[in-house]
Amino acid sequence: MNSKTVVSDSHEAPDDKDCQQDGLVRPVIYVPPASTLATSSRAVGIVMRRELIRFRADKIRIVTTLLQPMLYIFVIGTGLTSLTSNGSLVNLRTFIYPGALGMSVMFTAVFSAGSIVWDREFGFMREMLVAPISRTSIVVGKGLGGTVVASFQAIIVLSVAGMAGVPYSPALMIELLGEAALLAFTLTSFGILASVRVKTMQGFMGLTQMLIMPLFFTAGAMFPLSRLPAWLTVVTRVNPLAYAIDPIRRAVFSYLALPQKVREMYAPGITWDGWKVPTIGELLIVLLIGIALLGVAISQFRNIE
């Protein structure tokens, strides 16, 4: 008897008795279990744990991402301090410290998100995509993993705060860590979005360097936001990183024993047509941008192959 193979659209396997009667051999189609909150949470935790394991195993990466912030604090900061030592009430190492903290978070968060490109190039991403989990879980896990990794890097930079003239106040350290973690979340979301659109690691590195460095240097990380030219004032107001660096600097200067006039000169805050944006408003802007970027990344990741 000749047998035929019929591909059925039904998700249910046919009864053996029916197969014997009509002489048809129908394949059994496997239907993965529906994704639930428990399975999605477990998937997020596994992806996040993988990012932490990769970071812990890569000692060179930890050292190299810390080198540049330390150079800014202790080399550039010390050199510029010698130029303003006469009559200046602010140690420029202290002024540069918030920007260096943001820099350490920035590079770690963005490059952690680049693991998506790495996984695609070496084929590991295919194994994740065929797993019976939602693709949203993969993106969220990558985002949380990059946020935690960058927060660990921030803790290391916070440990040398005293050498830059920043007081070791527990309240200040907690506040700075929270603001750094929020910045890490937004930058990781940006990195994930970029990694979804780029297929090679070289392209990802070029794209992020082209976008991140101009954003960093126009965010007021290395200069006060007061007394700027009109064009640079406009650039800083539309730069999302400025709304993350400014709360860090304002927090640091609020714990320094300085005259109010000096504090307003070095940490004036961001103003919109004369109205100073409160710290909570700046942090909310950073959070909303991070959520929006992550949402777009999830939408784009659903079409990845």
C-alpha atoms as a PDB file:
ATOM      1  CA  MET A   1       0.000   0.000   0.000  1.00  0.00           C
ATOM      2  CA  ASN A   2       1.299   3.416  -0.936  1.00  0.00           C
ATOM      3  CA  SER A   3       1.452   5.854   1.940  1.00  0.00           C
ATOM      4  CA  LYS A   4       1.027   9.582   1.701  1.00  0.00           C
ATOM      5  CA  THR A   5       2.282  12.351   3.953  1.00  0.00           C
ATOM      6  CA  VAL A   6      -0.155  15.117   4.621  1.00  0.00           C
ATOM      7  CA  VAL A   7       0.811  18.237   6.532  1.00  0.00           C
ATOM      8  CA  SER A   8      -2.080  19.184   8.707  1.00  0.00           C
ATOM      9  CA  ASP A   9      -2.824  22.702   9.926  1.00  0.00           C
ATOM     10  CA  SER A  10      -4.393  21.259  13.028  1.00  0.00           C
ATOM     11  CA  HIS A  11      -2.488  21.483  16.292  1.00  0.00           C
ATOM     12  CA  GLU A  12      -3.969  18.189  17.460  1.00  0.00           C
ATOM     13  CA  ALA A  13      -2.489  14.824  16.512  1.00  0.00           C
ATOM     14  CA  PRO A  14      -4.939  12.553  14.600  1.00  0.00           C
ATOM     15  CA  ASP A  15      -6.251   9.437  16.201  1.00  0.00           C
ATOM     16  CA  ASP A  16      -4.259   6.263  15.401  1.00  0.00           C
ATOM     17  CA  LYS A  17      -7.450   4.440  14.415  1.00  0.00           C
ATOM     18  CA  ASP A  18      -8.296   7.100  11.835  1.00  0.00           C
ATOM     19  CA  CYS A  19      -4.808   6.881  10.354  1.00  0.00           C
ATOM     20  CA  GLN A  20      -5.164   3.116   9.893  1.00  0.00           C
ATOM     21  CA  GLN A  21      -8.529   3.497   8.181  1.00  0.00           C
ATOM     22  CA  ASP A  22      -7.625   6.064   5.530  1.00  0.00           C
ATOM     23  CA  GLY A  23      -4.019   4.945   5.034  1.00  0.00           C
ATOM     24  CA  LEU A  24      -2.588   8.392   5.679  1.00  0.00           C
ATOM     25  CA  VAL A  25       0.491   9.111   7.739  1.00  0.00           C
ATOM     26  CA  ARG A  26       0.156  12.451   9.451  1.00  0.00           C
ATOM     27  CA  PRO A  27       3.023  14.018  11.406  1.00  0.00           C
ATOM     28  CA  VAL A  28       2.475  15.086  14.985  1.00  0.00           C
ATOM     29  CA  ILE A  29       2.983  18.819  15.251  1.00  0.00           C
ATOM     30  CA  TYR A  30       4.636  19.965  18.465  1.00  0.00           C
ATOM     31  CA  VAL A  31       2.980  22.969  20.032  1.00  0.00           C
ATOM     32  CA  PRO A  32       5.150  24.638  22.707  1.00  0.00           C
ATOM     33  CA  PRO A  33       3.457  25.521  25.955  1.00  0.00           C
ATOM     34  CA  ALA A  34       2.013  28.984  26.210  1.00  0.00           C
ATOM     35  CA  SER A  35       4.245  31.571  27.802  1.00  0.00           C
ATOM     36  CA  THR A  36       3.146  32.456  31.305  1.00  0.00           C
ATOM     37  CA  LEU A  37       4.303  35.046  33.787  1.00  0.00           C
ATOM     38  CA  ALA A  38       6.323  32.399  35.629  1.00  0.00           C
ATOM     39  CA  THR A  39       8.133  31.167  32.503  1.00  0.00           C
ATOM     40  CA  SER A  40       8.749  34.724  31.303  1.00  0.00           C
ATOM     41  CA  SER A  41      10.186  35.733  34.689  1.00  0.00           C
ATOM     42  CA  ARG A  42      12.427  32.671  34.700  1.00  0.00           C
ATOM     43  CA  ALA A  43      13.626  33.463  31.179  1.00  0.00           C
ATOM     44  CA  VAL A  44      14.394  37.063  32.172  1.00  0.00           C
ATOM     45  CA  GLY A  45      16.383  35.813  35.178  1.00  0.00           C
ATOM     46  CA  ILE A  46      18.389  33.331  33.089  1.00  0.00           C
ATOM     47  CA  VAL A  47      19.313  35.903  30.419  1.00  0.00           C
ATOM     48  CA  MET A  48      20.210  38.409  33.125  1.00  0.00           C
ATOM     49  CA  ARG A  49      22.355  35.842  34.963  1.00  0.00           C
ATOM     50  CA  ARG A  50      24.202  35.032  31.745  1.00  0.00           C
ATOM     51  CA  GLU A  51      25.139  38.698  31.324  1.00  0.00           C
ATOM     52  CA  LEU A  52      26.494  38.800  34.878  1.00  0.00           C
ATOM     53  CA  ILE A  53      28.544  35.633  34.356  1.00  0.00           C
ATOM     54  CA  ARG A  54      30.047  37.031  31.165  1.00  0.00           C
ATOM     55  CA  PHE A  55      30.956  40.280  32.891  1.00  0.00           C
ATOM     56  CA  ARG A  56      32.549  38.531  35.874  1.00  0.00           C
ATOM     57  CA  ALA A  57      34.626  36.292  33.611  1.00  0.00           C
ATOM     58  CA  ASP A  58      35.938  39.185  31.499  1.00  0.00           C
ATOM     59  CA  LYS A  59      38.496  40.820  33.796  1.00  0.00           C
ATOM     60  CA  ILE A  60      40.106  42.833  30.984  1.00  0.00           C
ATOM     61  CA  ARG A  61      36.772  44.427  30.174  1.00  0.00           C
ATOM     62  CA  ILE A  62      36.356  45.584  33.783  1.00  0.00           C
ATOM     63  CA  VAL A  63      39.802  47.173  33.828  1.00  0.00           C
ATOM     64  CA  THR A  64      39.562  48.871  30.435  1.00  0.00           C
ATOM     65  CA  THR A  65      36.152  50.429  31.096  1.00  0.00           C
ATOM     66  CA  LEU A  66      37.477  51.880  34.347  1.00  0.00           C
ATOM     67  CA  LEU A  67      40.694  53.260  32.867  1.00  0.00           C
ATOM     68  CA  GLN A  68      39.179  56.180  30.957  1.00  0.00           C
ATOM     69  CA  PRO A  69      37.099  57.585  33.873  1.00  0.00           C
ATOM     70  CA  MET A  70      40.126  57.362  36.155  1.00  0.00           C
ATOM     71  CA  LEU A  71      42.234  59.267  33.613  1.00  0.00           C
ATOM     72  CA  TYR A  72      39.642  62.040  33.511  1.00  0.00           C
ATOM     73  CA  ILE A  73      39.460  62.307  37.307  1.00  0.00           C
ATOM     74  CA  PHE A  74      43.096  62.016  38.321  1.00  0.00           C
ATOM     75  CA  VAL A  75      45.020  63.207  35.259  1.00  0.00           C
ATOM     76  CA  ILE A  76      42.866  65.822  33.554  1.00  0.00           C
ATOM     77  CA  GLY A  77      41.251  66.902  36.828  1.00  0.00           C
ATOM     78  CA  THR A  78      44.601  67.306  38.583  1.00  0.00           C
ATOM     79  CA  GLY A  79      46.133  69.115  35.610  1.00  0.00           C
ATOM     80  CA  LEU A  80      43.267  71.599  35.334  1.00  0.00           C
ATOM     81  CA  THR A  81      43.260  72.162  39.093  1.00  0.00           C
ATOM     82  CA  SER A  82      46.808  73.502  38.839  1.00  0.00           C
ATOM     83  CA  LEU A  83      45.517  76.207  36.479  1.00  0.00           C
ATOM     84  CA  THR A  84      42.782  77.345  38.872  1.00  0.00           C
ATOM     85  CA  SER A  85      44.526  76.856  42.200  1.00  0.00           C
ATOM     86  CA  ASN A  86      44.631  80.574  42.895  1.00  0.00           C
ATOM     87  CA  GLY A  87      41.321  81.676  44.342  1.00  0.00           C
ATOM     88  CA  SER A  88      39.223  78.694  43.204  1.00  0.00           C
ATOM     89  CA  LEU A  89      37.027  77.129  45.897  1.00  0.00           C
ATOM     90  CA  VAL A  90      36.261  74.014  43.832  1.00  0.00           C
ATOM     91  CA  ASN A  91      38.668  71.166  43.198  1.00  0.00           C
ATOM     92  CA  LEU A  92      38.240  70.336  39.514  1.00  0.00           C
ATOM     93  CA  ARG A  93      38.639  66.636  40.297  1.00  0.00           C
ATOM     94  CA  THR A  94      35.416  67.011  42.264  1.00  0.00           C
ATOM     95  CA  PHE A  95      33.752  68.824  39.387  1.00  0.00           C
ATOM     96  CA  ILE A  96      34.785  66.201  36.811  1.00  0.00           C
ATOM     97  CA  TYR A  97      33.836  63.267  39.061  1.00  0.00           C
ATOM     98  CA  PRO A  98      30.083  63.187  38.131  1.00  0.00           C
ATOM     99  CA  GLY A  99      30.975  63.135  34.441  1.00  0.00           C
ATOM    100  CA  ALA A 100      33.515  60.361  34.986  1.00  0.00           C
ATOM    101  CA  LEU A 101      30.918  58.344  36.905  1.00  0.00           C
ATOM    102  CA  GLY A 102      28.505  58.777  34.008  1.00  0.00           C
ATOM    103  CA  MET A 103      31.231  57.772  31.552  1.00  0.00           C
ATOM    104  CA  SER A 104      31.947  54.495  33.353  1.00  0.00           C
ATOM    105  CA  VAL A 105      28.239  53.646  33.326  1.00  0.00           C
ATOM    106  CA  MET A 106      27.848  54.720  29.698  1.00  0.00           C
ATOM    107  CA  PHE A 107      30.495  52.464  28.170  1.00  0.00           C
ATOM    108  CA  THR A 108      29.636  49.446  30.293  1.00  0.00           C
ATOM    109  CA  ALA A 109      25.894  49.678  29.640  1.00  0.00           C
ATOM    110  CA  VAL A 110      26.142  50.200  25.878  1.00  0.00           C
ATOM    111  CA  PHE A 111      28.740  47.496  25.316  1.00  0.00           C
ATOM    112  CA  SER A 112      26.784  45.033  27.472  1.00  0.00           C
ATOM    113  CA  ALA A 113      23.862  45.470  25.095  1.00  0.00           C
ATOM    114  CA  GLY A 114      26.241  44.716  22.232  1.00  0.00           C
ATOM    115  CA  SER A 115      26.218  41.057  23.307  1.00  0.00           C
ATOM    116  CA  ILE A 116      23.111  40.688  21.119  1.00  0.00           C
ATOM    117  CA  VAL A 117      25.239  41.371  18.040  1.00  0.00           C
ATOM    118  CA  TRP A 118      27.887  38.972  19.321  1.00  0.00           C
ATOM    119  CA  ASP A 119      25.311  36.224  19.881  1.00  0.00           C
ATOM    120  CA  ARG A 120      23.891  36.729  16.385  1.00  0.00           C
ATOM    121  CA  GLU A 121      27.323  36.495  14.757  1.00  0.00           C
ATOM    122  CA  PHE A 122      28.235  33.253  16.529  1.00  0.00           C
ATOM    123  CA  GLY A 123      24.833  31.574  16.257  1.00  0.00           C
ATOM    124  CA  PHE A 124      23.867  31.486  19.928  1.00  0.00           C
ATOM    125  CA  MET A 125      20.961  33.842  19.320  1.00  0.00           C
ATOM    126  CA  ARG A 126      19.227  31.204  17.188  1.00  0.00           C
ATOM    127  CA  GLU A 127      19.086  28.862  20.153  1.00  0.00           C
ATOM    128  CA  MET A 128      17.483  31.590  22.233  1.00  0.00           C
ATOM    129  CA  LEU A 129      14.961  32.469  19.522  1.00  0.00           C
ATOM    130  CA  VAL A 130      13.692  28.884  19.142  1.00  0.00           C
ATOM    131  CA  ALA A 131      13.281  28.443  22.887  1.00  0.00           C
ATOM    132  CA  PRO A 132       9.640  28.344  24.108  1.00  0.00           C
ATOM    133  CA  ILE A 133       9.854  31.816  25.645  1.00  0.00           C
ATOM    134  CA  SER A 134       8.705  35.217  24.472  1.00  0.00           C
ATOM    135  CA  ARG A 135      11.188  37.458  22.719  1.00  0.00           C
ATOM    136  CA  THR A 136      10.185  40.227  25.095  1.00  0.00           C
ATOM    137  CA  SER A 137      11.720  38.172  27.917  1.00  0.00           C
ATOM    138  CA  ILE A 138      15.043  38.064  26.080  1.00  0.00           C
ATOM    139  CA  VAL A 139      15.132  41.832  25.587  1.00  0.00           C
ATOM    140  CA  VAL A 140      14.071  42.597  29.161  1.00  0.00           C
ATOM    141  CA  GLY A 141      16.670  40.146  30.492  1.00  0.00           C
ATOM    142  CA  LYS A 142      19.375  41.793  28.405  1.00  0.00           C
ATOM    143  CA  GLY A 143      18.256  45.222  29.612  1.00  0.00           C
ATOM    144  CA  LEU A 144      18.262  44.294  33.294  1.00  0.00           C
ATOM    145  CA  GLY A 145      21.548  42.434  32.934  1.00  0.00           C
ATOM    146  CA  GLY A 146      23.255  45.451  31.368  1.00  0.00           C
ATOM    147  CA  THR A 147      21.789  47.724  34.034  1.00  0.00           C
ATOM    148  CA  VAL A 148      23.112  45.569  36.891  1.00  0.00           C
ATOM    149  CA  VAL A 149      26.538  45.168  35.268  1.00  0.00           C
ATOM    150  CA  ALA A 150      26.889  48.927  34.741  1.00  0.00           C
ATOM    151  CA  SER A 151      25.723  49.543  38.322  1.00  0.00           C
ATOM    152  CA  PHE A 152      28.513  47.275  39.584  1.00  0.00           C
ATOM    153  CA  GLN A 153      30.951  49.372  37.583  1.00  0.00           C
ATOM    154  CA  ALA A 154      29.497  52.505  39.172  1.00  0.00           C
ATOM    155  CA  ILE A 155      30.076  51.039  42.647  1.00  0.00           C
ATOM    156  CA  ILE A 156      33.773  50.695  41.831  1.00  0.00           C
ATOM    157  CA  VAL A 157      33.966  54.354  40.769  1.00  0.00           C
ATOM    158  CA  LEU A 158      32.038  55.376  43.888  1.00  0.00           C
ATOM    159  CA  SER A 159      34.640  53.612  46.014  1.00  0.00           C
ATOM    160  CA  VAL A 160      37.264  56.203  44.978  1.00  0.00           C
ATOM    161  CA  ALA A 161      34.973  59.197  45.493  1.00  0.00           C
ATOM    162  CA  GLY A 162      36.979  60.412  48.487  1.00  0.00           C
ATOM    163  CA  MET A 163      40.119  60.728  46.363  1.00  0.00           C
ATOM    164  CA  ALA A 164      38.211  63.174  44.158  1.00  0.00           C
ATOM    165  CA  GLY A 165      37.029  65.271  47.110  1.00  0.00           C
ATOM    166  CA  VAL A 166      33.520  63.785  47.237  1.00  0.00           C
ATOM    167  CA  PRO A 167      32.365  62.998  50.802  1.00  0.00           C
ATOM    168  CA  TYR A 168      31.551  59.384  51.702  1.00  0.00           C
ATOM    169  CA  SER A 169      28.076  60.149  52.971  1.00  0.00           C
ATOM    170  CA  PRO A 170      25.866  57.017  52.963  1.00  0.00           C
ATOM    171  CA  ALA A 171      22.874  59.039  51.749  1.00  0.00           C
ATOM    172  CA  LEU A 172      24.937  60.587  48.965  1.00  0.00           C
ATOM    173  CA  MET A 173      26.374  57.218  47.874  1.00  0.00           C
ATOM    174  CA  ILE A 174      22.891  55.677  47.698  1.00  0.00           C
ATOM    175  CA  GLU A 175      21.562  58.645  45.745  1.00  0.00           C
ATOM    176  CA  LEU A 176      24.448  58.548  43.269  1.00  0.00           C
ATOM    177  CA  LEU A 177      24.099  54.793  42.813  1.00  0.00           C
ATOM    178  CA  GLY A 178      20.376  55.119  42.120  1.00  0.00           C
ATOM    179  CA  GLU A 179      20.940  57.867  39.557  1.00  0.00           C
ATOM    180  CA  ALA A 180      23.756  55.881  37.938  1.00  0.00           C
ATOM    181  CA  ALA A 181      21.511  52.803  37.732  1.00  0.00           C
ATOM    182  CA  LEU A 182      18.795  54.851  36.018  1.00  0.00           C
ATOM    183  CA  LEU A 183      21.342  56.146  33.514  1.00  0.00           C
ATOM    184  CA  ALA A 184      22.554  52.573  32.988  1.00  0.00           C
ATOM    185  CA  PHE A 185      19.015  51.400  32.213  1.00  0.00           C
ATOM    186  CA  THR A 186      18.463  54.096  29.589  1.00  0.00           C
ATOM    187  CA  LEU A 187      21.843  53.564  27.927  1.00  0.00           C
ATOM    188  CA  THR A 188      21.386  49.786  27.910  1.00  0.00           C
ATOM    189  CA  SER A 189      18.015  50.270  26.214  1.00  0.00           C
ATOM    190  CA  PHE A 190      19.708  52.471  23.625  1.00  0.00           C
ATOM    191  CA  GLY A 191      22.421  49.849  23.114  1.00  0.00           C
ATOM    192  CA  ILE A 192      19.850  47.073  22.667  1.00  0.00           C
ATOM    193  CA  LEU A 193      17.994  49.110  20.061  1.00  0.00           C
ATOM    194  CA  ALA A 194      21.251  49.755  18.191  1.00  0.00           C
ATOM    195  CA  SER A 195      22.307  46.091  18.385  1.00  0.00           C
ATOM    196  CA  VAL A 196      18.979  44.924  16.959  1.00  0.00           C
ATOM    197  CA  ARG A 197      19.448  47.141  13.902  1.00  0.00           C
ATOM    198  CA  VAL A 198      23.130  46.287  13.314  1.00  0.00           C
ATOM    199  CA  LYS A 199      24.323  42.821  12.254  1.00  0.00           C
ATOM    200  CA  THR A 200      28.086  43.052  12.843  1.00  0.00           C
ATOM    201  CA  MET A 201      30.130  43.942  15.894  1.00  0.00           C
ATOM    202  CA  GLN A 202      32.242  46.366  13.872  1.00  0.00           C
ATOM    203  CA  GLY A 203      29.133  48.207  12.753  1.00  0.00           C
ATOM    204  CA  PHE A 204      27.793  48.313  16.302  1.00  0.00           C
ATOM    205  CA  MET A 205      31.038  49.750  17.681  1.00  0.00           C
ATOM    206  CA  GLY A 206      31.184  52.389  14.958  1.00  0.00           C
ATOM    207  CA  LEU A 207      27.552  53.416  15.413  1.00  0.00           C
ATOM    208  CA  THR A 208      27.722  53.698  19.206  1.00  0.00           C
ATOM    209  CA  GLN A 209      31.003  55.607  19.154  1.00  0.00           C
ATOM    210  CA  MET A 210      29.562  58.027  16.589  1.00  0.00           C
ATOM    211  CA  LEU A 211      26.469  58.707  18.733  1.00  0.00           C
ATOM    212  CA  ILE A 212      27.595  58.263  22.343  1.00  0.00           C
ATOM    213  CA  MET A 213      30.737  60.405  22.421  1.00  0.00           C
ATOM    214  CA  PRO A 214      29.093  63.575  21.004  1.00  0.00           C
ATOM    215  CA  LEU A 215      26.162  63.078  23.385  1.00  0.00           C
ATOM    216  CA  PHE A 216      28.543  62.692  26.324  1.00  0.00           C
ATOM    217  CA  PHE A 217      30.662  65.761  25.578  1.00  0.00           C
ATOM    218  CA  THR A 218      27.630  67.996  24.967  1.00  0.00           C
ATOM    219  CA  ALA A 219      25.870  66.840  28.150  1.00  0.00           C
ATOM    220  CA  GLY A 220      27.862  69.112  30.455  1.00  0.00           C
ATOM    221  CA  ALA A 221      29.936  66.241  31.808  1.00  0.00           C
ATOM    222  CA  MET A 222      33.168  68.247  31.584  1.00  0.00           C
ATOM    223  CA  PHE A 223      31.916  71.842  31.820  1.00  0.00           C
ATOM    224  CA  PRO A 224      29.263  73.804  33.761  1.00  0.00           C
ATOM    225  CA  LEU A 225      25.900  74.419  32.112  1.00  0.00           C
ATOM    226  CA  SER A 226      26.015  78.127  32.967  1.00  0.00           C
ATOM    227  CA  ARG A 227      27.319  80.945  30.764  1.00  0.00           C
ATOM    228  CA  LEU A 228      27.328  78.840  27.603  1.00  0.00           C
ATOM    229  CA  PRO A 229      26.991  80.190  24.050  1.00  0.00           C
ATOM    230  CA  ALA A 230      23.435  80.148  22.738  1.00  0.00           C
ATOM    231  CA  TRP A 231      23.996  77.254  20.317  1.00  0.00           C
ATOM    232  CA  LEU A 232      25.612  75.068  22.985  1.00  0.00           C
ATOM    233  CA  THR A 233      22.832  75.899  25.444  1.00  0.00           C
ATOM    234  CA  VAL A 234      20.277  74.599  22.929  1.00  0.00           C
ATOM    235  CA  VAL A 235      22.316  71.430  22.342  1.00  0.00           C
ATOM    236  CA  THR A 236      22.548  70.660  26.055  1.00  0.00           C
ATOM    237  CA  ARG A 237      18.812  71.170  26.526  1.00  0.00           C
ATOM    238  CA  VAL A 238      17.925  68.587  23.859  1.00  0.00           C
ATOM    239  CA  ASN A 239      20.627  66.126  24.922  1.00  0.00           C
ATOM    240  CA  PRO A 240      19.021  63.344  27.026  1.00  0.00           C
ATOM    241  CA  LEU A 241      22.331  62.549  28.765  1.00  0.00           C
ATOM    242  CA  ALA A 242      22.380  66.070  30.236  1.00  0.00           C
ATOM    243  CA  TYR A 243      19.311  65.169  32.303  1.00  0.00           C
ATOM    244  CA  ALA A 244      21.236  62.253  33.830  1.00  0.00           C
ATOM    245  CA  ILE A 245      24.593  63.951  34.467  1.00  0.00           C
ATOM    246  CA  ASP A 246      23.096  67.106  35.997  1.00  0.00           C
ATOM    247  CA  PRO A 247      21.301  65.343  38.928  1.00  0.00           C
ATOM    248  CA  ILE A 248      24.543  63.520  39.780  1.00  0.00           C
ATOM    249  CA  ARG A 249      26.510  66.782  39.880  1.00  0.00           C
ATOM    250  CA  ARG A 250      23.795  68.595  41.844  1.00  0.00           C
ATOM    251  CA  ALA A 251      23.777  65.775  44.400  1.00  0.00           C
ATOM    252  CA  VAL A 252      27.570  65.953  44.809  1.00  0.00           C
ATOM    253  CA  PHE A 253      27.641  69.744  45.182  1.00  0.00           C
ATOM    254  CA  SER A 254      24.762  69.718  47.678  1.00  0.00           C
ATOM    255  CA  TYR A 255      27.082  67.879  50.102  1.00  0.00           C
ATOM    256  CA  LEU A 256      30.008  70.300  49.680  1.00  0.00           C
ATOM    257  CA  ALA A 257      30.568  73.254  52.014  1.00  0.00           C
ATOM    258  CA  LEU A 258      30.480  75.965  49.359  1.00  0.00           C
ATOM    259  CA  PRO A 259      28.844  79.391  49.120  1.00  0.00           C
ATOM    260  CA  GLN A 260      25.509  79.322  47.334  1.00  0.00           C
ATOM    261  CA  LYS A 261      26.837  81.553  44.556  1.00  0.00           C
ATOM    262  CA  VAL A 262      29.699  79.135  43.835  1.00  0.00           C
ATOM    263  CA  ARG A 263      27.356  76.145  43.921  1.00  0.00           C
ATOM    264  CA  GLU A 264      25.022  77.804  41.407  1.00  0.00           C
ATOM    265  CA  MET A 265      27.964  78.583  39.152  1.00  0.00           C
ATOM    266  CA  TYR A 266      29.285  75.011  38.961  1.00  0.00           C
ATOM    267  CA  ALA A 267      25.979  73.141  39.324  1.00  0.00           C
ATOM    268  CA  PRO A 268      23.309  75.546  38.050  1.00  0.00           C
ATOM    269  CA  GLY A 269      20.902  72.880  36.814  1.00  0.00           C
ATOM    270  CA  ILE A 270      18.992  72.807  33.539  1.00  0.00           C
ATOM    271  CA  THR A 271      16.557  75.610  32.830  1.00  0.00           C
ATOM    272  CA  TRP A 272      13.736  75.900  30.313  1.00  0.00           C
ATOM    273  CA  ASP A 273      13.097  79.556  29.512  1.00  0.00           C
ATOM    274  CA  GLY A 274      14.232  80.586  32.984  1.00  0.00           C
ATOM    275  CA  TRP A 275      12.471  77.728  34.845  1.00  0.00           C
ATOM    276  CA  LYS A 276      14.850  75.336  36.580  1.00  0.00           C
ATOM    277  CA  VAL A 277      13.896  71.703  35.969  1.00  0.00           C
ATOM    278  CA  PRO A 278      13.728  69.931  39.349  1.00  0.00           C
ATOM    279  CA  THR A 279      15.859  66.849  39.951  1.00  0.00           C
ATOM    280  CA  ILE A 280      12.835  64.557  40.044  1.00  0.00           C
ATOM    281  CA  GLY A 281      11.748  65.977  36.680  1.00  0.00           C
ATOM    282  CA  GLU A 282      15.171  65.284  35.154  1.00  0.00           C
ATOM    283  CA  LEU A 283      15.179  61.713  36.432  1.00  0.00           C
ATOM    284  CA  LEU A 284      11.650  61.174  35.139  1.00  0.00           C
ATOM    285  CA  ILE A 285      12.743  62.333  31.680  1.00  0.00           C
ATOM    286  CA  VAL A 286      15.626  59.841  31.720  1.00  0.00           C
ATOM    287  CA  LEU A 287      13.305  57.035  32.852  1.00  0.00           C
ATOM    288  CA  LEU A 288      10.696  57.759  30.172  1.00  0.00           C
ATOM    289  CA  ILE A 289      13.358  57.855  27.465  1.00  0.00           C
ATOM    290  CA  GLY A 290      14.703  54.507  28.663  1.00  0.00           C
ATOM    291  CA  ILE A 291      11.247  52.919  28.653  1.00  0.00           C
ATOM    292  CA  ALA A 292      10.523  54.292  25.183  1.00  0.00           C
ATOM    293  CA  LEU A 293      13.832  53.001  23.794  1.00  0.00           C
ATOM    294  CA  LEU A 294      13.273  49.576  25.352  1.00  0.00           C
ATOM    295  CA  GLY A 295       9.748  49.441  23.917  1.00  0.00           C
ATOM    296  CA  VAL A 296      11.013  50.195  20.416  1.00  0.00           C
ATOM    297  CA  ALA A 297      13.794  47.616  20.865  1.00  0.00           C
ATOM    298  CA  ILE A 298      11.229  44.951  21.850  1.00  0.00           C
ATOM    299  CA  SER A 299       9.132  45.792  18.789  1.00  0.00           C
ATOM    300  CA  GLN A 300      12.168  45.548  16.496  1.00  0.00           C
ATOM    301  CA  PHE A 301      13.480  42.381  18.146  1.00  0.00           C
ATOM    302  CA  ARG A 302      10.261  40.501  17.318  1.00  0.00           C
ATOM    303  CA  ASN A 303      11.215  40.717  13.629  1.00  0.00           C
ATOM    304  CA  ILE A 304      14.782  39.522  14.084  1.00  0.00           C
ATOM    305  CA  GLU A 305      15.833  36.280  12.414  1.00  0.00           C
END
